[in-house]
Amino acid sequence: MSERTEELQEQIEGLNDADDIMMSIMEVFSETEIVPDAGGYYTFVYNAKTPGVFDEFPLVAVTFVDRWGFQGLNFHWGTSRNYTWNEIVGRLHVIQNDEIEYMRSLSYANFKTK
């Protein structure tokens, strides 16, 4: 475990609410980027513009970056999804390679309907 994942594990012990867990994640994983790198791992707050079900707190492996946004494998869905710049709330929180396995083990997906 990295220092950050150990710190996060301590902070979220006993928490069950996705909002509370995500707040702790954003506090601990304070390294952020505005534009992701293809091949990088990120988590962020997202407010989808299209009707339907969406993941408010995606955890993604970015596969493609473009002018409209980016595409990435959403680990909560298990599928590739598109994310547009205007719907990202704040910044992308960077997850390091040695932290992704732990992050994937957390239950903080927050599926909402628009």
PDB file of N, CA and C in Angstrom:
ATOM      1  N   MET A   1       0.837  -1.200   0.000  1.00  0.00           N
ATOM      2  CA  MET A   1       0.000   0.000   0.000  1.00  0.00           C
ATOM      3  C   MET A   1       0.873   1.252   0.000  1.00  0.00           C
ATOM      4  N   SER A   2       0.397   2.262  -0.665  1.00  0.00           N
ATOM      5  CA  SER A   2       1.097   3.542  -0.653  1.00  0.00           C
ATOM      6  C   SER A   2       0.704   4.311   0.612  1.00  0.00           C
ATOM      7  N   GLU A   3       1.439   5.361   0.891  1.00  0.00           N
ATOM      8  CA  GLU A   3       1.088   6.212   2.034  1.00  0.00           C
ATOM      9  C   GLU A   3      -0.321   6.782   1.876  1.00  0.00           C
ATOM     10  N   ARG A   4      -0.657   7.155   0.648  1.00  0.00           N
ATOM     11  CA  ARG A   4      -1.984   7.750   0.418  1.00  0.00           C
ATOM     12  C   ARG A   4      -3.095   6.735   0.627  1.00  0.00           C
ATOM     13  N   THR A   5      -2.907   5.504   0.148  1.00  0.00           N
ATOM     14  CA  THR A   5      -3.968   4.518   0.332  1.00  0.00           C
ATOM     15  C   THR A   5      -4.100   4.135   1.800  1.00  0.00           C
ATOM     16  N   GLU A   6      -2.988   4.095   2.526  1.00  0.00           N
ATOM     17  CA  GLU A   6      -3.058   3.828   3.968  1.00  0.00           C
ATOM     18  C   GLU A   6      -3.816   4.945   4.683  1.00  0.00           C
ATOM     19  N   GLU A   7      -3.506   6.192   4.321  1.00  0.00           N
ATOM     20  CA  GLU A   7      -4.205   7.340   4.923  1.00  0.00           C
ATOM     21  C   GLU A   7      -5.692   7.289   4.599  1.00  0.00           C
ATOM     22  N   LEU A   8      -6.024   6.990   3.357  1.00  0.00           N
ATOM     23  CA  LEU A   8      -7.428   6.918   2.959  1.00  0.00           C
ATOM     24  C   LEU A   8      -8.141   5.799   3.707  1.00  0.00           C
ATOM     25  N   GLN A   9      -7.494   4.659   3.816  1.00  0.00           N
ATOM     26  CA  GLN A   9      -8.102   3.535   4.517  1.00  0.00           C
ATOM     27  C   GLN A   9      -8.470   3.918   5.955  1.00  0.00           C
ATOM     28  N   GLU A  10      -7.589   4.653   6.618  1.00  0.00           N
ATOM     29  CA  GLU A  10      -7.876   5.114   7.979  1.00  0.00           C
ATOM     30  C   GLU A  10      -9.059   6.079   7.994  1.00  0.00           C
ATOM     31  N   GLN A  11      -9.093   7.000   7.033  1.00  0.00           N
ATOM     32  CA  GLN A  11     -10.142   8.031   7.004  1.00  0.00           C
ATOM     33  C   GLN A  11     -11.528   7.457   6.717  1.00  0.00           C
ATOM     34  N   ILE A  12     -11.599   6.438   5.874  1.00  0.00           N
ATOM     35  CA  ILE A  12     -12.924   5.952   5.461  1.00  0.00           C
ATOM     36  C   ILE A  12     -13.404   4.751   6.268  1.00  0.00           C
ATOM     37  N   GLU A  13     -12.607   4.322   7.234  1.00  0.00           N
ATOM     38  CA  GLU A  13     -13.019   3.179   8.055  1.00  0.00           C
ATOM     39  C   GLU A  13     -14.381   3.467   8.687  1.00  0.00           C
ATOM     40  N   GLY A  14     -15.315   2.588   8.439  1.00  0.00           N
ATOM     41  CA  GLY A  14     -16.660   2.730   8.989  1.00  0.00           C
ATOM     42  C   GLY A  14     -17.608   3.571   8.151  1.00  0.00           C
ATOM     43  N   LEU A  15     -17.103   4.204   7.077  1.00  0.00           N
ATOM     44  CA  LEU A  15     -17.975   5.010   6.220  1.00  0.00           C
ATOM     45  C   LEU A  15     -18.664   4.111   5.197  1.00  0.00           C
ATOM     46  N   ASN A  16     -19.937   4.384   4.937  1.00  0.00           N
ATOM     47  CA  ASN A  16     -20.684   3.628   3.926  1.00  0.00           C
ATOM     48  C   ASN A  16     -21.259   4.522   2.842  1.00  0.00           C
ATOM     49  N   ASP A  17     -21.315   5.818   3.088  1.00  0.00           N
ATOM     50  CA  ASP A  17     -21.928   6.758   2.159  1.00  0.00           C
ATOM     51  C   ASP A  17     -20.922   7.146   1.065  1.00  0.00           C
ATOM     52  N   ALA A  18     -21.311   6.993  -0.203  1.00  0.00           N
ATOM     53  CA  ALA A  18     -20.431   7.297  -1.335  1.00  0.00           C
ATOM     54  C   ALA A  18     -19.964   8.747  -1.312  1.00  0.00           C
ATOM     55  N   ASP A  19     -20.840   9.680  -0.935  1.00  0.00           N
ATOM     56  CA  ASP A  19     -20.454  11.096  -0.868  1.00  0.00           C
ATOM     57  C   ASP A  19     -19.332  11.304   0.146  1.00  0.00           C
ATOM     58  N   ASP A  20     -19.453  10.697   1.317  1.00  0.00           N
ATOM     59  CA  ASP A  20     -18.435  10.835   2.361  1.00  0.00           C
ATOM     60  C   ASP A  20     -17.112  10.206   1.928  1.00  0.00           C
ATOM     61  N   ILE A  21     -17.195   9.041   1.300  1.00  0.00           N
ATOM     62  CA  ILE A  21     -15.979   8.371   0.836  1.00  0.00           C
ATOM     63  C   ILE A  21     -15.291   9.208  -0.237  1.00  0.00           C
ATOM     64  N   MET A  22     -16.073   9.753  -1.184  1.00  0.00           N
ATOM     65  CA  MET A  22     -15.481  10.568  -2.240  1.00  0.00           C
ATOM     66  C   MET A  22     -14.847  11.833  -1.678  1.00  0.00           C
ATOM     67  N   MET A  23     -15.453  12.435  -0.680  1.00  0.00           N
ATOM     68  CA  MET A  23     -14.856  13.627  -0.056  1.00  0.00           C
ATOM     69  C   MET A  23     -13.487  13.277   0.529  1.00  0.00           C
ATOM     70  N   SER A  24     -13.386  12.132   1.176  1.00  0.00           N
ATOM     71  CA  SER A  24     -12.098  11.701   1.729  1.00  0.00           C
ATOM     72  C   SER A  24     -11.094  11.415   0.626  1.00  0.00           C
ATOM     73  N   ILE A  25     -11.546  10.778  -0.444  1.00  0.00           N
ATOM     74  CA  ILE A  25     -10.656  10.497  -1.577  1.00  0.00           C
ATOM     75  C   ILE A  25     -10.093  11.798  -2.129  1.00  0.00           C
ATOM     76  N   MET A  26     -10.942  12.797  -2.330  1.00  0.00           N
ATOM     77  CA  MET A  26     -10.484  14.068  -2.901  1.00  0.00           C
ATOM     78  C   MET A  26      -9.513  14.777  -1.962  1.00  0.00           C
ATOM     79  N   GLU A  27      -9.697  14.604  -0.673  1.00  0.00           N
ATOM     80  CA  GLU A  27      -8.791  15.219   0.297  1.00  0.00           C
ATOM     81  C   GLU A  27      -7.425  14.532   0.274  1.00  0.00           C
ATOM     82  N   VAL A  28      -7.420  13.205   0.276  1.00  0.00           N
ATOM     83  CA  VAL A  28      -6.164  12.453   0.322  1.00  0.00           C
ATOM     84  C   VAL A  28      -5.446  12.478  -1.025  1.00  0.00           C
ATOM     85  N   PHE A  29      -6.183  12.305  -2.104  1.00  0.00           N
ATOM     86  CA  PHE A  29      -5.602  12.295  -3.446  1.00  0.00           C
ATOM     87  C   PHE A  29      -5.670  13.714  -4.013  1.00  0.00           C
ATOM     88  N   SER A  30      -4.896  14.591  -3.411  1.00  0.00           N
ATOM     89  CA  SER A  30      -4.977  16.019  -3.730  1.00  0.00           C
ATOM     90  C   SER A  30      -4.220  16.395  -5.000  1.00  0.00           C
ATOM     91  N   GLU A  31      -3.402  15.491  -5.529  1.00  0.00           N
ATOM     92  CA  GLU A  31      -2.740  15.757  -6.810  1.00  0.00           C
ATOM     93  C   GLU A  31      -3.795  15.713  -7.903  1.00  0.00           C
ATOM     94  N   THR A  32      -3.938  16.816  -8.634  1.00  0.00           N
ATOM     95  CA  THR A  32      -4.988  16.904  -9.643  1.00  0.00           C
ATOM     96  C   THR A  32      -4.431  17.360 -10.991  1.00  0.00           C
ATOM     97  N   GLU A  33      -5.230  17.093 -12.008  1.00  0.00           N
ATOM     98  CA  GLU A  33      -4.937  17.567 -13.363  1.00  0.00           C
ATOM     99  C   GLU A  33      -6.232  18.054 -13.986  1.00  0.00           C
ATOM    100  N   ILE A  34      -6.113  18.946 -14.942  1.00  0.00           N
ATOM    101  CA  ILE A  34      -7.281  19.416 -15.682  1.00  0.00           C
ATOM    102  C   ILE A  34      -7.506  18.520 -16.896  1.00  0.00           C
ATOM    103  N   VAL A  35      -6.414  18.174 -17.577  1.00  0.00           N
ATOM    104  CA  VAL A  35      -6.472  17.307 -18.754  1.00  0.00           C
ATOM    105  C   VAL A  35      -5.719  16.024 -18.423  1.00  0.00           C
ATOM    106  N   PRO A  36      -6.362  14.874 -18.586  1.00  0.00           N
ATOM    107  CA  PRO A  36      -5.692  13.617 -18.238  1.00  0.00           C
ATOM    108  C   PRO A  36      -4.714  13.162 -19.312  1.00  0.00           C
ATOM    109  N   ASP A  37      -3.872  12.227 -18.934  1.00  0.00           N
ATOM    110  CA  ASP A  37      -2.981  11.570 -19.878  1.00  0.00           C
ATOM    111  C   ASP A  37      -3.578  10.216 -20.234  1.00  0.00           C
ATOM    112  N   ALA A  38      -3.552   9.865 -21.513  1.00  0.00           N
ATOM    113  CA  ALA A  38      -3.976   8.520 -21.912  1.00  0.00           C
ATOM    114  C   ALA A  38      -3.071   7.525 -21.204  1.00  0.00           C
ATOM    115  N   GLY A  39      -3.674   6.512 -20.612  1.00  0.00           N
ATOM    116  CA  GLY A  39      -2.939   5.528 -19.843  1.00  0.00           C
ATOM    117  C   GLY A  39      -2.926   5.807 -18.353  1.00  0.00           C
ATOM    118  N   GLY A  40      -3.406   6.989 -17.963  1.00  0.00           N
ATOM    119  CA  GLY A  40      -3.430   7.351 -16.545  1.00  0.00           C
ATOM    120  C   GLY A  40      -4.732   6.941 -15.875  1.00  0.00           C
ATOM    121  N   TYR A  41      -4.696   6.897 -14.548  1.00  0.00           N
ATOM    122  CA  TYR A  41      -5.864   6.564 -13.733  1.00  0.00           C
ATOM    123  C   TYR A  41      -6.329   7.811 -12.990  1.00  0.00           C
ATOM    124  N   TYR A  42      -7.651   7.999 -12.942  1.00  0.00           N
ATOM    125  CA  TYR A  42      -8.212   9.194 -12.320  1.00  0.00           C
ATOM    126  C   TYR A  42      -9.563   8.884 -11.691  1.00  0.00           C
ATOM    127  N   THR A  43      -9.921   9.688 -10.699  1.00  0.00           N
ATOM    128  CA  THR A  43     -11.282   9.704 -10.185  1.00  0.00           C
ATOM    129  C   THR A  43     -11.697  11.162 -10.107  1.00  0.00           C
ATOM    130  N   PHE A  44     -12.993  11.416 -10.211  1.00  0.00           N
ATOM    131  CA  PHE A  44     -13.475  12.791 -10.287  1.00  0.00           C
ATOM    132  C   PHE A  44     -14.978  12.806 -10.069  1.00  0.00           C
ATOM    133  N   VAL A  45     -15.520  14.017  -9.981  1.00  0.00           N
ATOM    134  CA  VAL A  45     -16.967  14.204  -9.863  1.00  0.00           C
ATOM    135  C   VAL A  45     -17.483  14.526 -11.258  1.00  0.00           C
ATOM    136  N   TYR A  46     -18.565  13.851 -11.655  1.00  0.00           N
ATOM    137  CA  TYR A  46     -19.109  14.012 -13.000  1.00  0.00           C
ATOM    138  C   TYR A  46     -20.612  14.183 -12.940  1.00  0.00           C
ATOM    139  N   ASN A  47     -21.113  15.144 -13.713  1.00  0.00           N
ATOM    140  CA  ASN A  47     -22.548  15.400 -13.802  1.00  0.00           C
ATOM    141  C   ASN A  47     -22.948  15.269 -15.272  1.00  0.00           C
ATOM    142  N   ALA A  48     -23.376  14.081 -15.652  1.00  0.00           N
ATOM    143  CA  ALA A  48     -23.661  13.789 -17.060  1.00  0.00           C
ATOM    144  C   ALA A  48     -24.724  14.722 -17.637  1.00  0.00           C
ATOM    145  N   LYS A  49     -24.584  15.007 -18.946  1.00  0.00           N
ATOM    146  CA  LYS A  49     -25.565  15.866 -19.611  1.00  0.00           C
ATOM    147  C   LYS A  49     -26.652  15.056 -20.306  1.00  0.00           C
ATOM    148  N   THR A  50     -26.376  13.807 -20.636  1.00  0.00           N
ATOM    149  CA  THR A  50     -27.361  12.998 -21.353  1.00  0.00           C
ATOM    150  C   THR A  50     -28.274  12.279 -20.369  1.00  0.00           C
ATOM    151  N   PRO A  51     -29.545  12.125 -20.725  1.00  0.00           N
ATOM    152  CA  PRO A  51     -30.484  11.426 -19.846  1.00  0.00           C
ATOM    153  C   PRO A  51     -30.078   9.969 -19.646  1.00  0.00           C
ATOM    154  N   GLY A  52     -30.421   9.456 -18.493  1.00  0.00           N
ATOM    155  CA  GLY A  52     -30.125   8.064 -18.179  1.00  0.00           C
ATOM    156  C   GLY A  52     -29.343   7.945 -16.890  1.00  0.00           C
ATOM    157  N   VAL A  53     -28.803   6.778 -16.670  1.00  0.00           N
ATOM    158  CA  VAL A  53     -28.033   6.501 -15.466  1.00  0.00           C
ATOM    159  C   VAL A  53     -26.572   6.849 -15.709  1.00  0.00           C
ATOM    160  N   PHE A  54     -25.950   7.492 -14.722  1.00  0.00           N
ATOM    161  CA  PHE A  54     -24.526   7.808 -14.822  1.00  0.00           C
ATOM    162  C   PHE A  54     -23.859   7.613 -13.466  1.00  0.00           C
ATOM    163  N   ASP A  55     -22.538   7.504 -13.493  1.00  0.00           N
ATOM    164  CA  ASP A  55     -21.720   7.344 -12.300  1.00  0.00           C
ATOM    165  C   ASP A  55     -21.179   8.717 -11.920  1.00  0.00           C
ATOM    166  N   GLU A  56     -21.633   9.237 -10.794  1.00  0.00           N
ATOM    167  CA  GLU A  56     -21.211  10.569 -10.368  1.00  0.00           C
ATOM    168  C   GLU A  56     -19.735  10.612  -9.961  1.00  0.00           C
ATOM    169  N   PHE A  57     -19.188   9.491  -9.501  1.00  0.00           N
ATOM    170  CA  PHE A  57     -17.807   9.439  -9.023  1.00  0.00           C
ATOM    171  C   PHE A  57     -17.006   8.378  -9.785  1.00  0.00           C
ATOM    172  N   PRO A  58     -16.775   8.562 -11.072  1.00  0.00           N
ATOM    173  CA  PRO A  58     -16.090   7.528 -11.839  1.00  0.00           C
ATOM    174  C   PRO A  58     -14.632   7.318 -11.411  1.00  0.00           C
ATOM    175  N   LEU A  59     -14.191   6.088 -11.557  1.00  0.00           N
ATOM    176  CA  LEU A  59     -12.789   5.711 -11.422  1.00  0.00           C
ATOM    177  C   LEU A  59     -12.419   5.150 -12.785  1.00  0.00           C
ATOM    178  N   VAL A  60     -11.512   5.827 -13.488  1.00  0.00           N
ATOM    179  CA  VAL A  60     -11.256   5.463 -14.886  1.00  0.00           C
ATOM    180  C   VAL A  60      -9.786   5.281 -15.209  1.00  0.00           C
ATOM    181  N   ALA A  61      -9.570   4.446 -16.222  1.00  0.00           N
ATOM    182  CA  ALA A  61      -8.285   4.347 -16.914  1.00  0.00           C
ATOM    183  C   ALA A  61      -8.505   5.054 -18.244  1.00  0.00           C
ATOM    184  N   VAL A  62      -7.886   6.189 -18.443  1.00  0.00           N
ATOM    185  CA  VAL A  62      -8.107   6.994 -19.644  1.00  0.00           C
ATOM    186  C   VAL A  62      -7.455   6.319 -20.846  1.00  0.00           C
ATOM    187  N   THR A  63      -8.237   6.187 -21.912  1.00  0.00           N
ATOM    188  CA  THR A  63      -7.744   5.522 -23.120  1.00  0.00           C
ATOM    189  C   THR A  63      -7.553   6.479 -24.298  1.00  0.00           C
ATOM    190  N   PHE A  64      -8.243   7.628 -24.263  1.00  0.00           N
ATOM    191  CA  PHE A  64      -8.217   8.528 -25.417  1.00  0.00           C
ATOM    192  C   PHE A  64      -8.600   9.931 -24.946  1.00  0.00           C
ATOM    193  N   VAL A  65      -7.843  10.940 -25.378  1.00  0.00           N
ATOM    194  CA  VAL A  65      -8.125  12.334 -25.033  1.00  0.00           C
ATOM    195  C   VAL A  65      -8.344  13.104 -26.327  1.00  0.00           C
ATOM    196  N   ASP A  66      -9.402  13.953 -26.337  1.00  0.00           N
ATOM    197  CA  ASP A  66      -9.734  14.726 -27.530  1.00  0.00           C
ATOM    198  C   ASP A  66     -10.193  16.121 -27.108  1.00  0.00           C
ATOM    199  N   ARG A  67     -10.539  16.952 -28.092  1.00  0.00           N
ATOM    200  CA  ARG A  67     -11.007  18.312 -27.795  1.00  0.00           C
ATOM    201  C   ARG A  67     -12.320  18.309 -27.033  1.00  0.00           C
ATOM    202  N   TRP A  68     -13.198  17.355 -27.257  1.00  0.00           N
ATOM    203  CA  TRP A  68     -14.509  17.299 -26.615  1.00  0.00           C
ATOM    204  C   TRP A  68     -14.458  16.733 -25.202  1.00  0.00           C
ATOM    205  N   GLY A  69     -13.372  16.005 -24.871  1.00  0.00           N
ATOM    206  CA  GLY A  69     -13.256  15.353 -23.567  1.00  0.00           C
ATOM    207  C   GLY A  69     -12.354  14.146 -23.671  1.00  0.00           C
ATOM    208  N   PHE A  70     -12.740  13.070 -23.009  1.00  0.00           N
ATOM    209  CA  PHE A  70     -11.919  11.872 -23.079  1.00  0.00           C
ATOM    210  C   PHE A  70     -12.770  10.617 -22.920  1.00  0.00           C
ATOM    211  N   GLN A  71     -12.158   9.508 -23.260  1.00  0.00           N
ATOM    212  CA  GLN A  71     -12.801   8.208 -23.117  1.00  0.00           C
ATOM    213  C   GLN A  71     -11.959   7.404 -22.129  1.00  0.00           C
ATOM    214  N   GLY A  72     -12.642   6.597 -21.334  1.00  0.00           N
ATOM    215  CA  GLY A  72     -11.898   5.779 -20.389  1.00  0.00           C
ATOM    216  C   GLY A  72     -12.703   4.581 -19.933  1.00  0.00           C
ATOM    217  N   LEU A  73     -11.980   3.577 -19.485  1.00  0.00           N
ATOM    218  CA  LEU A  73     -12.613   2.405 -18.901  1.00  0.00           C
ATOM    219  C   LEU A  73     -13.049   2.772 -17.493  1.00  0.00           C
ATOM    220  N   ASN A  74     -14.363   2.780 -17.265  1.00  0.00           N
ATOM    221  CA  ASN A  74     -14.901   3.068 -15.939  1.00  0.00           C
ATOM    222  C   ASN A  74     -14.924   1.761 -15.159  1.00  0.00           C
ATOM    223  N   PHE A  75     -14.138   1.678 -14.103  1.00  0.00           N
ATOM    224  CA  PHE A  75     -14.033   0.446 -13.323  1.00  0.00           C
ATOM    225  C   PHE A  75     -15.322   0.122 -12.576  1.00  0.00           C
ATOM    226  N   HIS A  76     -16.151   1.123 -12.279  1.00  0.00           N
ATOM    227  CA  HIS A  76     -17.428   0.861 -11.607  1.00  0.00           C
ATOM    228  C   HIS A  76     -18.429   0.219 -12.561  1.00  0.00           C
ATOM    229  N   TRP A  77     -18.405   0.611 -13.825  1.00  0.00           N
ATOM    230  CA  TRP A  77     -19.294   0.047 -14.840  1.00  0.00           C
ATOM    231  C   TRP A  77     -18.708  -1.204 -15.468  1.00  0.00           C
ATOM    232  N   GLY A  78     -17.368  -1.217 -15.600  1.00  0.00           N
ATOM    233  CA  GLY A  78     -16.715  -2.308 -16.319  1.00  0.00           C
ATOM    234  C   GLY A  78     -16.776  -2.124 -17.822  1.00  0.00           C
ATOM    235  N   THR A  79     -17.062  -0.894 -18.267  1.00  0.00           N
ATOM    236  CA  THR A  79     -17.149  -0.594 -19.698  1.00  0.00           C
ATOM    237  C   THR A  79     -16.485   0.746 -19.993  1.00  0.00           C
ATOM    238  N   SER A  80     -16.246   0.988 -21.266  1.00  0.00           N
ATOM    239  CA  SER A  80     -15.687   2.253 -21.707  1.00  0.00           C
ATOM    240  C   SER A  80     -16.791   3.307 -21.750  1.00  0.00           C
ATOM    241  N   ARG A  81     -16.470   4.509 -21.303  1.00  0.00           N
ATOM    242  CA  ARG A  81     -17.441   5.609 -21.269  1.00  0.00           C
ATOM    243  C   ARG A  81     -16.769   6.876 -21.793  1.00  0.00           C
ATOM    244  N   ASN A  82     -17.596   7.815 -22.272  1.00  0.00           N
ATOM    245  CA  ASN A  82     -17.119   9.119 -22.716  1.00  0.00           C
ATOM    246  C   ASN A  82     -17.403  10.155 -21.641  1.00  0.00           C
ATOM    247  N   TYR A  83     -16.445  11.068 -21.432  1.00  0.00           N
ATOM    248  CA  TYR A  83     -16.583  12.142 -20.445  1.00  0.00           C
ATOM    249  C   TYR A  83     -16.262  13.466 -21.121  1.00  0.00           C
ATOM    250  N   THR A  84     -17.220  14.390 -21.104  1.00  0.00           N
ATOM    251  CA  THR A  84     -17.025  15.682 -21.745  1.00  0.00           C
ATOM    252  C   THR A  84     -16.554  16.705 -20.712  1.00  0.00           C
ATOM    253  N   TRP A  85     -15.729  17.657 -21.180  1.00  0.00           N
ATOM    254  CA  TRP A  85     -15.079  18.616 -20.282  1.00  0.00           C
ATOM    255  C   TRP A  85     -16.072  19.384 -19.418  1.00  0.00           C
ATOM    256  N   ASN A  86     -17.163  19.869 -20.013  1.00  0.00           N
ATOM    257  CA  ASN A  86     -18.092  20.733 -19.271  1.00  0.00           C
ATOM    258  C   ASN A  86     -18.820  20.016 -18.143  1.00  0.00           C
ATOM    259  N   GLU A  87     -18.863  18.704 -18.158  1.00  0.00           N
ATOM    260  CA  GLU A  87     -19.601  17.957 -17.141  1.00  0.00           C
ATOM    261  C   GLU A  87     -18.710  17.493 -15.982  1.00  0.00           C
ATOM    262  N   ILE A  88     -17.415  17.731 -16.097  1.00  0.00           N
ATOM    263  CA  ILE A  88     -16.496  17.403 -14.999  1.00  0.00           C
ATOM    264  C   ILE A  88     -16.570  18.535 -13.985  1.00  0.00           C
ATOM    265  N   VAL A  89     -16.837  18.173 -12.741  1.00  0.00           N
ATOM    266  CA  VAL A  89     -16.946  19.152 -11.658  1.00  0.00           C
ATOM    267  C   VAL A  89     -15.587  19.207 -10.958  1.00  0.00           C
ATOM    268  N   GLY A  90     -14.900  20.325 -11.079  1.00  0.00           N
ATOM    269  CA  GLY A  90     -13.579  20.450 -10.459  1.00  0.00           C
ATOM    270  C   GLY A  90     -12.504  19.845 -11.337  1.00  0.00           C
ATOM    271  N   ARG A  91     -11.594  19.121 -10.692  1.00  0.00           N
ATOM    272  CA  ARG A  91     -10.435  18.562 -11.384  1.00  0.00           C
ATOM    273  C   ARG A  91     -10.431  17.043 -11.299  1.00  0.00           C
ATOM    274  N   LEU A  92      -9.524  16.450 -12.057  1.00  0.00           N
ATOM    275  CA  LEU A  92      -9.324  15.009 -12.045  1.00  0.00           C
ATOM    276  C   LEU A  92      -8.288  14.677 -10.976  1.00  0.00           C
ATOM    277  N   HIS A  93      -8.616  13.767 -10.089  1.00  0.00           N
ATOM    278  CA  HIS A  93      -7.709  13.365  -9.016  1.00  0.00           C
ATOM    279  C   HIS A  93      -6.887  12.172  -9.491  1.00  0.00           C
ATOM    280  N   VAL A  94      -5.572  12.344  -9.449  1.00  0.00           N
ATOM    281  CA  VAL A  94      -4.635  11.362  -9.999  1.00  0.00           C
ATOM    282  C   VAL A  94      -4.510  10.157  -9.065  1.00  0.00           C
ATOM    283  N   ILE A  95      -4.608   8.967  -9.668  1.00  0.00           N
ATOM    284  CA  ILE A  95      -4.393   7.702  -8.962  1.00  0.00           C
ATOM    285  C   ILE A  95      -3.128   7.082  -9.565  1.00  0.00           C
ATOM    286  N   GLN A  96      -2.174   6.759  -8.731  1.00  0.00           N
ATOM    287  CA  GLN A  96      -0.916   6.170  -9.204  1.00  0.00           C
ATOM    288  C   GLN A  96      -1.105   4.679  -9.517  1.00  0.00           C
ATOM    289  N   ASN A  97      -0.197   4.140 -10.330  1.00  0.00           N
ATOM    290  CA  ASN A  97      -0.269   2.735 -10.732  1.00  0.00           C
ATOM    291  C   ASN A  97      -0.340   1.786  -9.542  1.00  0.00           C
ATOM    292  N   ASP A  98       0.422   2.080  -8.494  1.00  0.00           N
ATOM    293  CA  ASP A  98       0.448   1.184  -7.337  1.00  0.00           C
ATOM    294  C   ASP A  98      -0.751   1.390  -6.407  1.00  0.00           C
ATOM    295  N   GLU A  99      -1.662   2.294  -6.767  1.00  0.00           N
ATOM    296  CA  GLU A  99      -2.840   2.578  -5.945  1.00  0.00           C
ATOM    297  C   GLU A  99      -4.148   2.094  -6.580  1.00  0.00           C
ATOM    298  N   ILE A 100      -4.110   1.758  -7.866  1.00  0.00           N
ATOM    299  CA  ILE A 100      -5.356   1.456  -8.578  1.00  0.00           C
ATOM    300  C   ILE A 100      -6.038   0.199  -8.044  1.00  0.00           C
ATOM    301  N   GLU A 101      -5.290  -0.800  -7.674  1.00  0.00           N
ATOM    302  CA  GLU A 101      -5.906  -2.030  -7.164  1.00  0.00           C
ATOM    303  C   GLU A 101      -6.710  -1.736  -5.891  1.00  0.00           C
ATOM    304  N   TYR A 102      -6.137  -0.961  -4.987  1.00  0.00           N
ATOM    305  CA  TYR A 102      -6.858  -0.598  -3.767  1.00  0.00           C
ATOM    306  C   TYR A 102      -8.095   0.230  -4.097  1.00  0.00           C
ATOM    307  N   MET A 103      -7.948   1.208  -4.980  1.00  0.00           N
ATOM    308  CA  MET A 103      -9.081   2.076  -5.334  1.00  0.00           C
ATOM    309  C   MET A 103     -10.210   1.268  -5.958  1.00  0.00           C
ATOM    310  N   ARG A 104      -9.861   0.264  -6.739  1.00  0.00           N
ATOM    311  CA  ARG A 104     -10.890  -0.583  -7.356  1.00  0.00           C
ATOM    312  C   ARG A 104     -11.644  -1.404  -6.311  1.00  0.00           C
ATOM    313  N   SER A 105     -11.037  -1.623  -5.161  1.00  0.00           N
ATOM    314  CA  SER A 105     -11.682  -2.416  -4.105  1.00  0.00           C
ATOM    315  C   SER A 105     -12.699  -1.606  -3.299  1.00  0.00           C
ATOM    316  N   LEU A 106     -12.689  -0.289  -3.455  1.00  0.00           N
ATOM    317  CA  LEU A 106     -13.598   0.571  -2.688  1.00  0.00           C
ATOM    318  C   LEU A 106     -14.976   0.646  -3.341  1.00  0.00           C
ATOM    319  N   SER A 107     -15.989   0.741  -2.513  1.00  0.00           N
ATOM    320  CA  SER A 107     -17.374   0.881  -2.999  1.00  0.00           C
ATOM    321  C   SER A 107     -17.804   2.338  -2.863  1.00  0.00           C
ATOM    322  N   TYR A 108     -17.447   3.151  -3.848  1.00  0.00           N
ATOM    323  CA  TYR A 108     -17.871   4.545  -3.809  1.00  0.00           C
ATOM    324  C   TYR A 108     -18.568   4.989  -5.092  1.00  0.00           C
ATOM    325  N   ALA A 109     -18.899   4.045  -5.948  1.00  0.00           N
ATOM    326  CA  ALA A 109     -19.685   4.398  -7.135  1.00  0.00           C
ATOM    327  C   ALA A 109     -20.994   5.023  -6.672  1.00  0.00           C
ATOM    328  N   ASN A 110     -21.419   6.043  -7.362  1.00  0.00           N
ATOM    329  CA  ASN A 110     -22.663   6.729  -7.007  1.00  0.00           C
ATOM    330  C   ASN A 110     -23.494   6.877  -8.275  1.00  0.00           C
ATOM    331  N   PHE A 111     -24.275   5.847  -8.563  1.00  0.00           N
ATOM    332  CA  PHE A 111     -25.078   5.844  -9.776  1.00  0.00           C
ATOM    333  C   PHE A 111     -26.318   6.698  -9.582  1.00  0.00           C
ATOM    334  N   LYS A 112     -26.514   7.629 -10.507  1.00  0.00           N
ATOM    335  CA  LYS A 112     -27.641   8.552 -10.469  1.00  0.00           C
ATOM    336  C   LYS A 112     -28.392   8.507 -11.781  1.00  0.00           C
ATOM    337  N   THR A 113     -29.625   8.954 -11.754  1.00  0.00           N
ATOM    338  CA  THR A 113     -30.427   9.048 -12.974  1.00  0.00           C
ATOM    339  C   THR A 113     -30.671  10.506 -13.286  1.00  0.00           C
ATOM    340  N   LYS A 114     -30.446  10.869 -14.530  1.00  0.00           N
ATOM    341  CA  LYS A 114     -30.660  12.256 -14.971  1.00  0.00           C
ATOM    342  C   LYS A 114     -31.955  12.331 -15.744  1.00  0.00           C
TER     343      LYS A 114
END
